Protein backbone atom coordinates (compact mmCIF):
# COMPACT_ATOMS: atom_id res chain seq x y z
CA UNK A 1 -121.84 -134.27 -19.26
CA UNK A 2 -120.38 -132.35 -22.19
CA UNK A 3 -119.13 -133.95 -25.39
CA UNK A 4 -115.48 -133.78 -24.36
CA UNK A 5 -116.06 -135.76 -21.16
CA UNK A 6 -118.25 -138.22 -23.09
CA UNK A 7 -115.40 -138.82 -25.50
CA UNK A 8 -112.95 -139.33 -22.63
CA UNK A 9 -115.28 -141.86 -21.04
CA UNK A 10 -115.75 -143.71 -24.34
CA UNK A 11 -112.01 -143.74 -24.98
CA UNK A 12 -111.40 -145.14 -21.50
CA UNK A 13 -113.96 -147.91 -22.07
CA UNK A 14 -112.44 -148.75 -25.46
CA UNK A 15 -108.88 -148.88 -24.06
CA UNK A 16 -109.92 -151.17 -21.20
CA UNK A 17 -111.97 -153.29 -23.60
CA UNK A 18 -109.06 -153.66 -26.01
CA UNK A 19 -106.72 -154.75 -23.18
CA UNK A 20 -109.26 -157.31 -21.93
CA UNK A 21 -109.86 -158.67 -25.44
CA UNK A 22 -106.10 -158.83 -26.05
CA UNK A 23 -105.64 -161.07 -23.00
CA UNK A 24 -108.71 -163.19 -23.84
CA UNK A 25 -107.52 -163.60 -27.43
CA UNK A 26 -104.14 -164.90 -26.26
CA UNK A 27 -105.72 -167.32 -23.79
CA UNK A 28 -107.96 -169.03 -26.39
CA UNK A 29 -106.90 -171.83 -28.71
CA UNK A 30 -106.29 -175.55 -28.77
CA UNK A 31 -104.49 -175.13 -25.42
CA UNK A 32 -106.15 -172.83 -22.88
CA UNK A 33 -103.73 -170.58 -20.99
CA UNK A 34 -105.02 -168.81 -17.85
CA UNK A 35 -104.99 -165.01 -18.08
CA UNK A 36 -103.01 -164.83 -14.81
CA UNK A 37 -100.24 -166.94 -16.38
CA UNK A 38 -100.28 -164.76 -19.51
CA UNK A 39 -99.78 -161.65 -17.35
CA UNK A 40 -96.88 -163.35 -15.57
CA UNK A 41 -95.25 -164.24 -18.89
CA UNK A 42 -95.68 -160.77 -20.39
CA UNK A 43 -94.27 -159.14 -17.23
CA UNK A 44 -91.19 -161.35 -17.43
CA UNK A 45 -91.97 -163.90 -14.71
CA UNK A 46 -91.65 -167.65 -15.26
CA UNK A 47 -94.91 -169.31 -16.24
CA UNK A 48 -96.20 -172.51 -14.64
CA UNK A 49 -95.59 -174.63 -17.77
CA UNK A 50 -92.73 -174.25 -20.25
CA UNK A 51 -95.03 -175.22 -23.13
CA UNK A 52 -97.25 -172.24 -22.27
CA UNK A 53 -94.26 -169.91 -22.68
CA UNK A 54 -93.46 -171.38 -26.10
CA UNK A 55 -97.08 -171.10 -27.24
CA UNK A 56 -97.39 -167.56 -25.84
CA UNK A 57 -94.24 -165.97 -27.27
CA UNK A 58 -93.92 -167.90 -30.54
CA UNK A 59 -97.55 -168.16 -31.63
CA UNK A 60 -100.24 -166.37 -29.60
CA UNK A 61 -98.53 -163.04 -28.88
CA UNK A 62 -97.36 -162.26 -32.45
CA UNK A 63 -100.81 -163.24 -33.75
CA UNK A 64 -102.61 -160.92 -31.31
CA UNK A 65 -100.24 -158.03 -32.05
CA UNK A 66 -100.76 -158.63 -35.78
CA UNK A 67 -104.54 -158.50 -35.28
CA UNK A 68 -104.21 -155.10 -33.57
CA UNK A 69 -101.92 -153.70 -36.28
CA UNK A 70 -104.17 -154.98 -39.09
CA UNK A 71 -107.23 -153.48 -37.40
CA UNK A 72 -105.47 -150.13 -37.06
CA UNK A 73 -104.15 -150.08 -40.63
CA UNK A 74 -107.38 -151.03 -42.38
CA UNK A 75 -109.76 -148.94 -40.25
CA UNK A 76 -107.69 -145.74 -40.46
CA UNK A 77 -107.14 -146.13 -44.21
CA UNK A 78 -110.89 -146.67 -44.62
CA UNK A 79 -111.59 -143.43 -42.73
CA UNK A 80 -109.15 -141.55 -44.99
CA UNK A 81 -110.79 -142.86 -48.15
CA UNK A 82 -114.32 -142.09 -46.97
CA UNK A 83 -113.29 -138.53 -46.14
CA UNK A 84 -111.40 -137.95 -49.39
CA UNK A 85 -114.19 -139.22 -51.63
CA UNK A 86 -117.02 -138.23 -49.25
CA UNK A 87 -118.48 -141.62 -50.01
CA UNK A 88 -119.68 -143.96 -47.23
CA UNK A 89 -118.98 -146.99 -49.43
CA UNK A 90 -115.32 -146.10 -49.96
CA UNK A 91 -112.84 -148.42 -48.26
CA UNK A 92 -109.08 -148.96 -48.10
CA UNK A 93 -109.11 -151.04 -51.30
CA UNK A 94 -110.92 -148.60 -53.64
CA UNK A 95 -107.57 -147.57 -55.15
CA UNK A 96 -107.03 -151.13 -56.37
CA UNK A 97 -104.27 -152.00 -53.88
CA UNK A 98 -105.87 -155.29 -52.89
CA UNK A 99 -106.38 -156.24 -56.53
CA UNK A 100 -102.75 -155.40 -57.28
CA UNK A 101 -101.61 -157.57 -54.38
CA UNK A 102 -103.89 -160.38 -55.56
CA UNK A 103 -102.46 -160.09 -59.07
CA UNK A 104 -98.89 -160.32 -57.79
CA UNK A 105 -99.70 -163.43 -55.75
CA UNK A 106 -101.72 -164.92 -58.62
CA UNK A 107 -98.74 -164.56 -60.96
CA UNK A 108 -96.41 -166.53 -58.67
CA UNK A 109 -98.95 -169.16 -57.55
CA UNK A 110 -101.02 -169.70 -60.67
CA UNK A 111 -98.16 -169.01 -63.06
CA UNK A 112 -95.45 -170.87 -61.11
CA UNK A 113 -95.17 -173.50 -63.86
CA UNK A 114 -93.78 -170.83 -66.19
CA UNK A 115 -91.00 -169.84 -63.75
CA UNK A 116 -87.63 -171.58 -63.20
CA UNK A 117 -87.77 -174.13 -60.37
CA UNK A 118 -85.44 -172.15 -58.07
CA UNK A 119 -87.35 -168.90 -58.61
CA UNK A 120 -90.75 -170.61 -58.22
CA UNK A 121 -89.71 -172.30 -54.95
CA UNK A 122 -88.70 -168.93 -53.46
CA UNK A 123 -91.84 -167.08 -54.54
CA UNK A 124 -94.08 -169.89 -53.28
CA UNK A 125 -92.62 -169.47 -49.77
CA UNK A 126 -94.15 -167.09 -47.21
CA UNK A 127 -91.53 -164.41 -47.89
CA UNK A 128 -91.95 -164.84 -51.64
CA UNK A 129 -95.73 -164.41 -51.49
CA UNK A 130 -95.30 -161.33 -49.30
CA UNK A 131 -92.82 -159.86 -51.78
CA UNK A 132 -95.07 -160.62 -54.75
CA UNK A 133 -98.06 -159.09 -52.98
CA UNK A 134 -96.07 -155.97 -52.09
CA UNK A 135 -94.79 -155.56 -55.65
CA UNK A 136 -98.33 -155.89 -57.02
CA UNK A 137 -99.65 -153.24 -54.61
CA UNK A 138 -96.73 -150.93 -55.37
CA UNK A 139 -97.24 -151.14 -59.14
CA UNK A 140 -100.92 -150.26 -58.79
CA UNK A 141 -100.01 -147.41 -56.43
CA UNK A 142 -97.45 -146.08 -58.94
CA UNK A 143 -100.08 -146.17 -61.69
CA UNK A 144 -102.64 -144.40 -59.46
CA UNK A 145 -100.14 -141.69 -58.48
CA UNK A 146 -99.27 -141.17 -62.16
CA UNK A 147 -102.95 -140.67 -62.95
CA UNK A 148 -103.52 -138.43 -59.90
CA UNK A 149 -101.05 -135.87 -61.30
CA UNK A 150 -103.15 -135.53 -64.43
CA UNK A 151 -106.62 -135.52 -62.87
CA UNK A 152 -108.19 -132.61 -60.99
CA UNK A 153 -111.46 -134.36 -60.18
CA UNK A 154 -111.24 -136.51 -57.04
CA UNK A 155 -114.17 -138.70 -58.07
CA UNK A 156 -112.32 -139.53 -61.28
CA UNK A 157 -109.55 -141.05 -59.13
CA UNK A 158 -112.15 -143.30 -57.50
CA UNK A 159 -113.28 -144.47 -60.94
CA UNK A 160 -109.66 -145.07 -61.98
CA UNK A 161 -109.12 -147.19 -58.86
CA UNK A 162 -112.19 -149.27 -59.65
CA UNK A 163 -111.00 -149.71 -63.25
CA UNK A 164 -107.60 -150.93 -62.03
CA UNK A 165 -109.43 -153.40 -59.79
CA UNK A 166 -111.51 -154.69 -62.70
CA UNK A 167 -108.45 -154.94 -64.95
CA UNK A 168 -106.35 -156.89 -62.44
CA UNK A 169 -109.32 -159.12 -61.54
CA UNK A 170 -109.73 -159.99 -65.22
CA UNK A 171 -106.06 -161.04 -65.46
CA UNK A 172 -106.43 -163.14 -62.30
CA UNK A 173 -109.50 -164.80 -63.85
CA UNK A 174 -107.50 -165.72 -66.97
CA UNK A 175 -104.69 -167.17 -64.84
CA UNK A 176 -107.26 -169.09 -62.80
CA UNK A 177 -108.75 -170.63 -65.92
CA UNK A 178 -105.40 -172.20 -66.90
CA UNK A 179 -104.39 -173.30 -63.38
CA UNK A 180 -104.38 -176.71 -61.71
CA UNK A 181 -106.56 -177.64 -58.74
CA UNK A 182 -103.56 -177.51 -56.40
CA UNK A 183 -102.62 -174.01 -57.55
CA UNK A 184 -106.21 -172.81 -57.18
CA UNK A 185 -106.39 -174.22 -53.66
CA UNK A 186 -103.19 -172.42 -52.61
CA UNK A 187 -104.39 -169.14 -54.09
CA UNK A 188 -107.78 -169.52 -52.40
CA UNK A 189 -106.14 -170.07 -49.01
CA UNK A 190 -104.10 -166.89 -49.48
CA UNK A 191 -107.21 -164.89 -50.46
CA UNK A 192 -108.96 -165.98 -47.24
CA UNK A 193 -106.37 -164.06 -45.22
CA UNK A 194 -104.34 -165.22 -42.24
CA UNK A 195 -102.78 -163.37 -39.31
CA UNK A 196 -101.24 -166.43 -37.65
CA UNK A 197 -98.19 -167.03 -39.84
CA UNK A 198 -96.12 -163.92 -39.14
CA UNK A 199 -92.74 -164.09 -37.38
CA UNK A 200 -91.62 -161.38 -34.97
CA UNK A 201 -89.47 -159.88 -37.75
CA UNK A 202 -92.54 -159.53 -39.99
CA UNK A 203 -94.62 -158.16 -37.11
CA UNK A 204 -91.91 -155.56 -36.49
CA UNK A 205 -91.91 -154.60 -40.17
CA UNK A 206 -95.71 -154.27 -40.13
CA UNK A 207 -95.51 -152.12 -36.97
CA UNK A 208 -93.02 -149.74 -38.61
CA UNK A 209 -95.13 -149.39 -41.76
CA UNK A 210 -98.35 -148.82 -39.79
CA UNK A 211 -96.56 -146.21 -37.64
CA UNK A 212 -95.37 -144.36 -40.77
CA UNK A 213 -98.90 -144.41 -42.20
CA UNK A 214 -100.33 -143.06 -38.94
CA UNK A 215 -97.76 -140.25 -38.85
CA UNK A 216 -98.84 -139.21 -42.36
CA UNK A 217 -102.49 -139.33 -41.23
CA UNK A 218 -101.93 -137.22 -38.11
CA UNK A 219 -100.22 -134.45 -40.12
CA UNK A 220 -103.41 -133.83 -42.14
CA UNK A 221 -106.03 -133.76 -39.36
CA UNK A 222 -107.09 -130.15 -40.07
CA UNK A 223 -107.29 -130.59 -43.87
CA UNK A 224 -109.40 -133.73 -43.33
CA UNK A 225 -111.88 -131.73 -41.25
CA UNK A 226 -112.06 -129.12 -44.02
CA UNK A 227 -112.59 -131.74 -46.73
CA UNK A 228 -115.87 -132.77 -45.10
CA UNK A 229 -117.37 -129.51 -46.37
CA UNK A 230 -116.09 -130.03 -49.90
CA UNK A 231 -113.04 -129.38 -52.04
CA UNK A 232 -113.96 -125.74 -52.76
CA UNK A 233 -114.38 -124.90 -49.08
CA UNK A 234 -111.04 -126.53 -48.25
CA UNK A 235 -109.31 -124.42 -50.91
CA UNK A 236 -111.07 -121.25 -49.74
CA UNK A 237 -109.57 -121.55 -46.24
CA UNK A 238 -106.06 -122.10 -47.58
CA UNK A 239 -105.83 -125.90 -47.68
CA UNK A 240 -103.36 -127.15 -50.31
CA UNK A 241 -105.79 -129.67 -51.77
CA UNK A 242 -103.49 -131.53 -54.19
CA UNK A 243 -100.82 -132.02 -51.54
CA UNK A 244 -103.43 -133.18 -49.00
CA UNK A 245 -104.93 -135.60 -51.51
CA UNK A 246 -101.47 -137.00 -52.30
CA UNK A 247 -100.68 -137.51 -48.59
CA UNK A 248 -104.03 -139.27 -48.08
CA UNK A 249 -103.35 -141.63 -50.98
CA UNK A 250 -99.79 -142.37 -49.80
CA UNK A 251 -100.93 -142.96 -46.20
CA UNK A 252 -103.73 -145.26 -47.37
CA UNK A 253 -101.33 -147.14 -49.61
CA UNK A 254 -98.87 -147.70 -46.77
CA UNK A 255 -101.55 -148.74 -44.27
CA UNK A 256 -103.66 -150.95 -46.55
CA UNK A 257 -100.84 -152.14 -48.82
CA UNK A 258 -98.61 -153.35 -45.98
CA UNK A 259 -101.42 -155.27 -44.27
CA UNK A 260 -102.52 -156.90 -47.54
CA UNK A 261 -98.96 -157.84 -48.42
CA UNK A 262 -98.30 -159.52 -45.06
CA UNK A 263 -101.67 -161.06 -44.11
CA UNK A 264 -103.70 -161.10 -47.33
CA UNK A 265 -106.93 -159.21 -48.08
CA UNK A 266 -109.16 -158.68 -45.04
CA UNK A 267 -112.76 -157.62 -45.72
CA UNK A 268 -115.22 -155.46 -43.74
CA UNK A 269 -112.86 -153.79 -41.24
CA UNK A 270 -111.81 -150.82 -43.37
CA UNK A 271 -115.34 -150.18 -44.64
CA UNK A 272 -117.36 -150.62 -41.45
CA UNK A 273 -115.22 -149.47 -38.51
CA UNK A 274 -115.18 -145.75 -39.53
CA UNK A 275 -119.01 -145.84 -39.56
CA UNK A 276 -119.02 -147.41 -36.10
CA UNK A 277 -116.71 -144.64 -34.82
CA UNK A 278 -118.91 -141.89 -36.28
CA UNK A 279 -122.10 -143.41 -34.85
CA UNK A 280 -120.54 -144.01 -31.43
CA UNK A 281 -118.73 -140.68 -30.96
CA UNK A 282 -121.16 -138.47 -32.94
CA UNK A 283 -118.45 -136.08 -34.14
CA UNK A 284 -116.80 -134.98 -37.36
CA UNK A 285 -113.50 -134.04 -35.68
CA UNK A 286 -110.91 -136.27 -37.31
CA UNK A 287 -108.63 -136.20 -34.28
CA UNK A 288 -111.36 -137.96 -32.31
CA UNK A 289 -112.37 -140.12 -35.27
CA UNK A 290 -108.79 -141.20 -35.95
CA UNK A 291 -108.23 -142.32 -32.34
CA UNK A 292 -111.64 -143.99 -32.04
CA UNK A 293 -111.29 -145.74 -35.40
CA UNK A 294 -107.85 -146.97 -34.37
CA UNK A 295 -109.20 -148.48 -31.13
CA UNK A 296 -112.38 -149.91 -32.65
CA UNK A 297 -110.41 -151.48 -35.50
CA UNK A 298 -108.15 -153.23 -32.99
CA UNK A 299 -111.14 -154.43 -30.96
CA UNK A 300 -113.01 -155.74 -34.01
CA UNK A 301 -109.99 -157.68 -35.27
CA UNK A 302 -109.36 -159.19 -31.83
CA UNK A 303 -113.01 -160.26 -31.56
CA UNK A 304 -113.02 -161.76 -35.06
CA UNK A 305 -109.74 -163.58 -34.45
CA UNK A 306 -111.04 -164.95 -31.14
CA UNK A 307 -114.08 -166.33 -32.96
CA UNK A 308 -111.93 -167.71 -35.80
CA UNK A 309 -109.72 -169.55 -33.30
CA UNK A 310 -112.28 -172.14 -32.17
CA UNK A 311 -111.71 -172.70 -28.42
CA UNK A 312 -110.38 -176.12 -27.35
CA UNK A 313 -109.85 -177.08 -30.98
CA UNK A 314 -107.01 -177.05 -33.48
CA UNK A 315 -109.46 -175.82 -36.11
CA UNK A 316 -108.95 -172.21 -37.26
CA UNK A 317 -111.62 -170.60 -39.44
CA UNK A 318 -110.68 -168.13 -42.23
CA UNK A 319 -110.37 -164.66 -40.69
CA UNK A 320 -111.69 -163.02 -43.87
CA UNK A 321 -114.95 -164.93 -43.63
CA UNK A 322 -115.39 -164.17 -39.92
CA UNK A 323 -114.87 -160.41 -40.37
CA UNK A 324 -117.68 -160.29 -42.93
CA UNK A 325 -120.10 -162.70 -41.21
CA UNK A 326 -119.67 -161.07 -37.83
CA UNK A 327 -119.37 -157.46 -38.96
CA UNK A 328 -121.94 -156.95 -41.71
CA UNK A 329 -125.03 -157.50 -39.49
CA UNK A 330 -123.61 -155.11 -36.88
CA UNK A 331 -123.28 -152.32 -39.43
CA UNK A 332 -126.80 -152.93 -40.78
CA UNK A 333 -128.13 -152.74 -37.20
CA UNK A 334 -126.16 -149.55 -36.46
CA UNK A 335 -127.43 -147.86 -39.63
CA UNK A 336 -131.06 -148.83 -38.86
CA UNK A 337 -130.61 -147.55 -35.30
CA UNK A 338 -129.19 -144.27 -36.61
CA UNK A 339 -132.16 -143.93 -38.95
CA UNK A 340 -134.60 -144.41 -36.05
CA UNK A 341 -132.79 -141.81 -33.94
CA UNK A 342 -132.93 -139.29 -36.78
């Protein structure tokens, strides 16, 4: 079996696995819904119980779709960052987007006492927190893009992103110091991440933003392959490096920034899934890596969300904690296994 047929087989397994996990994810929760009834509801037939239809279309389905979109956005943006910086520890948040989003939310939650009552009540709502998070990410992105125009060294951009993260984290720490216990609790809940509070309108917005980010990513498949051999090699074969770097940063900002703004910061996925794709498919072709990362990111988020939603219980664990607890040991095992093979 040649590599091409191996990839087709792996892609087929991943697609079937993602469909199965999607149905399992929807069936789990405080109320168990049979998979057969879920299929009937999705295909437009009347389900056995009316309450199942309400739970399916108003709660379970948007949550599962959100999990898939978040997995796609974070894993693909992580792949882009690791390729740009040629650093296995680079992730979707190295540009400081997550810190910028956290700063925006911290300002409205921890500094709400300084705002007028009407303004504070709006920003403390779900839409207000999303807007504040998006503004914070956008301001950091604008600062990064301003610096990118002046810097030729790609690694310097990585350092700038880390400095922005440190700077915004310091401001959040100051705001935390002067905050009440209630404000700290609300901010902590936001930082744990949640994919269960999005309406269909917000899911649609996230879908559009993820689609735009993916379109940007697809247009630079060949330059991404060239970047693996270094900046000089990419330039020598006619790659417009500055334009490619700008597109990578914009795509990452759209993919990671939109997910952070709508669901909060989600750890592990963007850092680890690209490594899983590379170890599983054993290729450096970014067309294959992009598709495999996209599928694996969806699968990992569905698995983590299924674990977070404790079956037959109303208890829901923080998704951010589950992604790290469940994912980190897998990556350590994969890296050890790769070392043994080598």
